[in-house]
Amino acid sequence: MSTSTRKHTALPKARILIEALPWLTRHHGRTVVIKFGGNAMVDEELKAAFAQDVVFLHHAGLKPVVVHGGGPQISAQLERHGLVSEFRAGLRVTTDEAMDVVRMVLAGQVQRELVGLLNQHGPLAVGLTGEDAHTITAVRHRPFIDGEPVDIGRVGEITRIDTGAVTALLEDGRIPVVSSIARAEDDGHVYNVNADTAAAALAAALGAETLMVLTDVEGLYEDWPHSDEVISRLTARQLEKLLPDLSSGMVPKMEGCLHAVRNGVNTARVIDGRVPHSILLEIFTDDGVGTMVVPDAPSESEGTS
């Protein structure tokens, strides 16, 4: 290959790197909490691309924290054990027997695989659950169905976040990978907590720059199912008005985004995890692949004009 040909092929790569410079400068040293889920969790190529993205963020000077659930894997393992997956109010009914399976799958299967993928690129990732060092504490969650509180078992509502272990890992140059299991505040049990909610609570407690939630859709749609136009950006107040009309699957994701930006996180993004390297596209380019939620302007949040 001639020198001129090599320059011709190398220059576009250099331009791409230079274009990323403003974003690299803006995010350097900042914490980014990423909720890992959807197709990105079960597709081998997407899993590998996700791990590459997270390691890239780390080497680019950001501090990524990964939070994960494991819905498909839990359902499959429950079926193998002859246990029925039942959902009420959009949440998995979690008996004591089912909780043993949830704990095993999240901490022993999904987390280990993700830590392994990240550590193919160096001694970076460390796995922990919300139980470890009291990272996530919860009480039993009783959703209301038809106006009455319903017991759905070992499903937790987060009451407290202790960031000590996660912060220590970040300061040591590691990538924390957190399973969405919580310790009980009062009864000695452990609880299954929604991973979207856990990621948002952790992002707020860490004072993260951004929360990123991977989904299996392009983002928040303007008027679904009548339109597939994605809302690229909206404020907390605008999102709050939309929440009652959202599909049940999007509610915990968007409630998490709302909680995050109302508690110190600068941006929260729901991004299409079916797109390879969607995390890098969202952070380092203008061609984002989802919906960004930002805090209200001071006048808007105070209700003044």
Protein backbone atom coordinates (compact mmCIF):
# COMPACT_ATOMS: atom_id res chain seq x y z
CA MET A 1 0.00 0.00 0.00
CA SER A 2 1.40 3.38 -1.00
CA THR A 3 1.96 6.22 1.45
CA SER A 4 -0.77 8.31 -0.19
CA THR A 5 -3.25 5.42 0.07
CA ARG A 6 -2.44 4.90 3.75
CA LYS A 7 -3.01 8.62 4.40
CA HIS A 8 -6.30 8.47 2.51
CA THR A 9 -7.58 5.61 4.70
CA ALA A 10 -6.14 6.95 7.96
CA LEU A 11 -7.39 10.55 7.74
CA PRO A 12 -11.09 9.70 8.26
CA LYS A 13 -10.13 7.82 11.43
CA ALA A 14 -8.20 10.84 12.69
CA ARG A 15 -11.17 13.13 11.95
CA ILE A 16 -13.49 10.85 13.94
CA LEU A 17 -11.13 10.94 16.91
CA ILE A 18 -10.85 14.73 16.75
CA GLU A 19 -14.65 15.10 16.52
CA ALA A 20 -14.92 13.17 19.79
CA LEU A 21 -12.58 15.59 21.60
CA PRO A 22 -15.26 18.01 22.92
CA TRP A 23 -17.22 15.10 24.40
CA LEU A 24 -14.08 13.53 25.86
CA THR A 25 -13.25 16.85 27.52
CA ARG A 26 -16.79 17.33 28.80
CA HIS A 27 -17.12 13.86 30.33
CA HIS A 28 -13.58 13.27 31.58
CA GLY A 29 -13.57 12.07 35.17
CA ARG A 30 -17.37 11.93 35.33
CA THR A 31 -19.38 8.93 36.51
CA VAL A 32 -21.74 7.25 34.05
CA VAL A 33 -24.26 4.68 35.31
CA ILE A 34 -25.41 2.23 32.63
CA LYS A 35 -28.37 -0.10 33.04
CA PHE A 36 -27.66 -3.22 30.98
CA GLY A 37 -30.72 -5.08 29.66
CA GLY A 38 -32.90 -6.05 26.71
CA ASN A 39 -31.48 -7.65 23.58
CA ALA A 40 -28.02 -6.36 24.47
CA MET A 41 -28.12 -8.86 27.33
CA VAL A 42 -28.91 -11.97 25.25
CA ASP A 43 -27.37 -11.34 21.81
CA GLU A 44 -23.72 -12.44 21.72
CA GLU A 45 -22.53 -9.72 19.33
CA LEU A 46 -24.36 -6.99 21.22
CA LYS A 47 -22.95 -8.25 24.53
CA ALA A 48 -19.43 -8.08 23.13
CA ALA A 49 -20.03 -4.58 21.71
CA PHE A 50 -21.45 -3.44 25.05
CA ALA A 51 -18.35 -4.64 26.89
CA GLN A 52 -16.12 -2.85 24.36
CA ASP A 53 -18.09 0.38 24.84
CA VAL A 54 -17.82 0.25 28.64
CA VAL A 55 -14.08 -0.44 28.50
CA PHE A 56 -13.66 2.40 25.99
CA LEU A 57 -15.41 4.79 28.38
CA HIS A 58 -13.07 3.65 31.15
CA HIS A 59 -9.93 4.20 29.09
CA ALA A 60 -11.30 7.53 27.81
CA GLY A 61 -11.27 8.85 31.39
CA LEU A 62 -14.90 8.30 32.38
CA LYS A 63 -16.03 6.20 35.35
CA PRO A 64 -18.63 3.68 34.17
CA VAL A 65 -20.81 1.75 36.63
CA VAL A 66 -22.95 -1.09 35.25
CA VAL A 67 -26.24 -2.16 36.85
CA HIS A 68 -28.07 -5.21 35.51
CA GLY A 69 -31.15 -7.33 35.96
CA GLY A 70 -31.80 -10.56 34.12
CA GLY A 71 -35.47 -11.04 33.26
CA PRO A 72 -35.10 -13.54 30.38
CA GLN A 73 -32.48 -15.61 32.21
CA ILE A 74 -34.57 -15.67 35.41
CA SER A 75 -37.68 -16.80 33.53
CA ALA A 76 -35.74 -19.59 31.80
CA GLN A 77 -34.23 -20.82 35.07
CA LEU A 78 -37.57 -20.69 36.90
CA GLU A 79 -39.06 -22.83 34.14
CA ARG A 80 -36.24 -25.36 34.52
CA HIS A 81 -37.07 -25.56 38.22
CA GLY A 82 -40.76 -26.03 37.45
CA LEU A 83 -41.69 -22.63 38.87
CA VAL A 84 -44.26 -20.45 37.12
CA SER A 85 -43.36 -16.85 36.22
CA GLU A 86 -46.23 -14.62 37.32
CA PHE A 87 -46.37 -10.86 36.93
CA ARG A 88 -48.65 -8.44 38.76
CA ALA A 89 -48.61 -4.67 38.32
CA GLY A 90 -45.74 -5.20 35.86
CA LEU A 91 -43.53 -6.85 38.53
CA ARG A 92 -42.45 -10.46 38.93
CA VAL A 93 -44.15 -12.20 41.84
CA THR A 94 -41.15 -13.47 43.80
CA THR A 95 -41.76 -16.28 46.29
CA ASP A 96 -39.03 -17.39 48.70
CA GLU A 97 -38.27 -20.28 46.34
CA ALA A 98 -38.20 -17.99 43.31
CA MET A 99 -35.91 -15.55 45.15
CA ASP A 100 -33.29 -18.29 45.51
CA VAL A 101 -33.35 -18.67 41.71
CA VAL A 102 -33.27 -14.90 41.14
CA ARG A 103 -30.25 -14.55 43.40
CA MET A 104 -28.45 -17.45 41.72
CA VAL A 105 -29.11 -16.17 38.19
CA LEU A 106 -28.23 -12.52 38.82
CA ALA A 107 -25.13 -12.97 40.97
CA GLY A 108 -23.98 -16.36 39.70
CA GLN A 109 -24.78 -16.26 35.99
CA VAL A 110 -25.51 -12.86 34.45
CA GLN A 111 -23.04 -10.91 36.56
CA ARG A 112 -20.24 -13.45 36.11
CA GLU A 113 -20.67 -13.49 32.34
CA LEU A 114 -20.64 -9.69 32.13
CA VAL A 115 -17.62 -9.39 34.42
CA GLY A 116 -15.86 -11.97 32.24
CA LEU A 117 -16.62 -10.05 29.04
CA LEU A 118 -15.26 -6.82 30.52
CA ASN A 119 -12.19 -8.52 31.91
CA GLN A 120 -11.21 -9.85 28.51
CA HIS A 121 -9.85 -6.31 28.08
CA GLY A 122 -7.87 -6.23 31.34
CA PRO A 123 -8.32 -6.64 35.12
CA LEU A 124 -11.09 -4.05 35.26
CA ALA A 125 -14.51 -5.31 36.34
CA VAL A 126 -15.57 -6.31 39.85
CA GLY A 127 -19.00 -7.78 40.54
CA LEU A 128 -21.14 -7.07 43.57
CA THR A 129 -24.80 -7.18 44.49
CA GLY A 130 -26.87 -4.64 46.34
CA GLU A 131 -26.41 -6.83 49.43
CA ASP A 132 -22.66 -6.25 49.47
CA ALA A 133 -21.51 -3.51 51.86
CA HIS A 134 -25.20 -2.49 52.22
CA THR A 135 -25.04 -0.93 48.75
CA ILE A 136 -28.83 -1.19 48.24
CA THR A 137 -31.33 -1.43 51.09
CA ALA A 138 -35.03 -2.04 50.54
CA VAL A 139 -38.35 -2.80 52.21
CA ARG A 140 -41.07 -5.06 50.88
CA HIS A 141 -42.93 -3.42 48.01
CA ARG A 142 -46.70 -3.77 47.93
CA PRO A 143 -48.15 -2.32 44.71
CA PHE A 144 -51.76 -1.20 44.53
CA ILE A 145 -54.07 -3.16 42.24
CA ASP A 146 -57.66 -1.97 41.97
CA GLY A 147 -57.02 0.32 44.92
CA GLU A 148 -55.77 -2.41 47.26
CA PRO A 149 -52.17 -3.20 48.32
CA VAL A 150 -51.06 -6.59 47.02
CA ASP A 151 -48.31 -8.85 48.37
CA ILE A 152 -46.06 -9.95 45.49
CA GLY A 153 -43.43 -11.59 47.67
CA ARG A 154 -39.76 -10.71 47.85
CA VAL A 155 -39.91 -7.61 45.66
CA GLY A 156 -38.21 -4.61 47.19
CA GLU A 157 -38.70 -0.88 47.23
CA ILE A 158 -35.37 0.92 47.62
CA THR A 159 -35.01 2.96 50.79
CA ARG A 160 -31.29 3.69 50.93
CA ILE A 161 -28.12 3.58 48.83
CA ASP A 162 -24.63 3.31 50.33
CA THR A 163 -22.10 4.22 47.65
CA GLY A 164 -19.01 3.35 49.70
CA ALA A 165 -18.06 0.10 47.95
CA VAL A 166 -18.82 1.42 44.47
CA THR A 167 -16.86 4.63 45.06
CA ALA A 168 -13.89 2.67 46.41
CA LEU A 169 -13.84 0.50 43.28
CA LEU A 170 -14.03 3.56 41.01
CA GLU A 171 -11.18 5.22 42.88
CA ASP A 172 -9.16 2.02 42.39
CA GLY A 173 -9.69 2.24 38.64
CA ARG A 174 -12.23 -0.60 38.47
CA ILE A 175 -15.59 -0.98 36.76
CA PRO A 176 -18.29 -1.97 39.28
CA VAL A 177 -20.94 -4.39 37.99
CA VAL A 178 -23.95 -4.34 40.32
CA SER A 179 -26.71 -6.97 40.43
CA SER A 180 -30.16 -5.61 41.33
CA ILE A 181 -30.61 -7.46 44.61
CA ALA A 182 -31.14 -5.52 47.85
CA ARG A 183 -30.68 -6.27 51.52
CA ALA A 184 -33.75 -5.92 53.70
CA GLU A 185 -33.98 -2.99 56.05
CA ASP A 186 -36.03 -4.81 58.64
CA ASP A 187 -36.57 -8.56 58.27
CA GLY A 188 -33.22 -10.11 57.34
CA HIS A 189 -34.38 -11.13 53.85
CA VAL A 190 -33.05 -10.11 50.47
CA TYR A 191 -35.22 -8.54 47.80
CA ASN A 192 -35.47 -8.56 44.05
CA VAL A 193 -35.50 -4.91 42.93
CA ASN A 194 -36.22 -3.48 39.51
CA ALA A 195 -32.89 -2.90 37.74
CA ASP A 196 -34.05 0.35 36.10
CA THR A 197 -35.01 1.71 39.50
CA ALA A 198 -31.76 0.48 41.06
CA ALA A 199 -29.66 2.11 38.33
CA ALA A 200 -31.47 5.44 38.76
CA ALA A 201 -31.12 5.38 42.56
CA LEU A 202 -27.42 4.56 42.31
CA ALA A 203 -26.84 7.28 39.69
CA ALA A 204 -28.47 9.87 41.94
CA ALA A 205 -26.54 8.74 45.02
CA LEU A 206 -23.23 8.85 43.12
CA GLY A 207 -23.94 12.29 41.64
CA ALA A 208 -23.42 10.77 38.19
CA GLU A 209 -23.06 12.88 35.08
CA THR A 210 -25.53 10.69 33.23
CA LEU A 211 -27.75 7.64 33.51
CA MET A 212 -28.06 5.44 30.42
CA VAL A 213 -30.80 2.80 30.17
CA LEU A 214 -30.54 0.26 27.35
CA THR A 215 -33.89 -0.81 25.88
CA ASP A 216 -35.30 -2.74 22.94
CA VAL A 217 -36.94 0.31 21.37
CA GLU A 218 -35.55 3.40 19.66
CA GLY A 219 -36.50 5.65 22.57
CA LEU A 220 -39.63 7.30 23.89
CA TYR A 221 -42.18 7.63 21.10
CA GLU A 222 -44.11 10.83 20.50
CA ASP A 223 -47.53 9.20 20.07
CA TRP A 224 -47.21 5.42 20.23
CA PRO A 225 -48.78 3.34 18.65
CA HIS A 226 -50.02 5.98 16.21
CA SER A 227 -46.52 7.25 15.44
CA ASP A 228 -42.98 5.90 15.65
CA GLU A 229 -41.46 9.38 15.90
CA VAL A 230 -38.94 9.36 18.75
CA ILE A 231 -38.71 12.27 21.19
CA SER A 232 -35.03 13.16 21.17
CA ARG A 233 -35.07 15.46 24.20
CA LEU A 234 -37.52 16.48 26.92
CA THR A 235 -37.49 18.06 30.36
CA ALA A 236 -38.43 16.40 33.63
CA ARG A 237 -41.75 18.21 33.75
CA GLN A 238 -42.59 17.24 30.17
CA LEU A 239 -41.81 13.61 30.99
CA GLU A 240 -43.91 13.69 34.14
CA LYS A 241 -46.95 14.70 32.06
CA LEU A 242 -46.40 11.75 29.71
CA LEU A 243 -45.92 9.06 32.39
CA PRO A 244 -49.61 8.11 32.91
CA ASP A 245 -49.98 7.20 29.22
CA LEU A 246 -46.79 5.14 28.80
CA SER A 247 -46.74 1.39 28.24
CA SER A 248 -46.07 -0.64 31.39
CA GLY A 249 -42.62 -1.70 30.17
CA MET A 250 -41.45 1.89 29.72
CA VAL A 251 -42.80 3.20 33.03
CA PRO A 252 -39.95 2.02 35.35
CA LYS A 253 -37.35 3.18 32.82
CA MET A 254 -38.83 6.66 32.45
CA GLU A 255 -39.63 6.96 36.19
CA GLY A 256 -35.97 6.11 36.77
CA CYS A 257 -34.88 8.84 34.37
CA LEU A 258 -37.19 11.31 36.11
CA HIS A 259 -35.84 10.38 39.55
CA ALA A 260 -32.26 10.72 38.33
CA VAL A 261 -32.52 14.19 36.81
CA ARG A 262 -34.53 15.47 39.77
CA ASN A 263 -31.82 14.26 42.13
CA GLY A 264 -28.64 15.72 40.71
CA VAL A 265 -27.94 13.69 37.56
CA ASN A 266 -27.33 16.02 34.61
CA THR A 267 -28.90 13.86 31.90
CA ALA A 268 -30.75 10.55 31.70
CA ARG A 269 -30.96 8.70 28.40
CA VAL A 270 -33.03 5.79 27.16
CA ILE A 271 -31.12 4.31 24.23
CA ASP A 272 -31.64 1.54 21.70
CA GLY A 273 -29.52 -1.35 22.90
CA ARG A 274 -30.17 -3.22 19.63
CA VAL A 275 -27.77 -0.82 17.89
CA PRO A 276 -24.16 -1.97 18.26
CA HIS A 277 -22.02 0.57 20.14
CA SER A 278 -25.10 2.66 20.96
CA ILE A 279 -23.41 3.90 24.15
CA LEU A 280 -20.52 5.45 22.23
CA LEU A 281 -22.89 6.94 19.65
CA GLU A 282 -24.94 8.55 22.41
CA ILE A 283 -22.06 9.99 24.42
CA PHE A 284 -19.52 10.97 21.78
CA THR A 285 -21.58 12.11 18.77
CA ASP A 286 -24.49 14.33 17.83
CA ASP A 287 -26.20 11.30 16.29
CA GLY A 288 -27.76 9.92 19.45
CA VAL A 289 -29.88 6.79 19.34
CA GLY A 290 -32.54 7.46 21.94
CA THR A 291 -34.32 9.93 24.20
CA MET A 292 -32.54 12.33 26.55
CA VAL A 293 -34.20 13.65 29.71
CA VAL A 294 -32.81 16.82 31.26
CA PRO A 295 -33.67 18.69 34.49
CA ASP A 296 -36.22 21.47 34.35
CA ALA A 297 -34.91 24.97 33.88
CA PRO A 298 -34.92 26.83 37.24
CA SER A 299 -37.97 28.89 36.30
CA GLU A 300 -39.84 25.81 35.06
CA SER A 301 -39.17 23.72 38.18
CA GLU A 302 -40.27 26.61 40.40
CA GLY A 303 -43.47 26.98 38.42
CA THR A 304 -42.75 30.57 37.36
CA SER A 305 -42.64 32.05 33.90
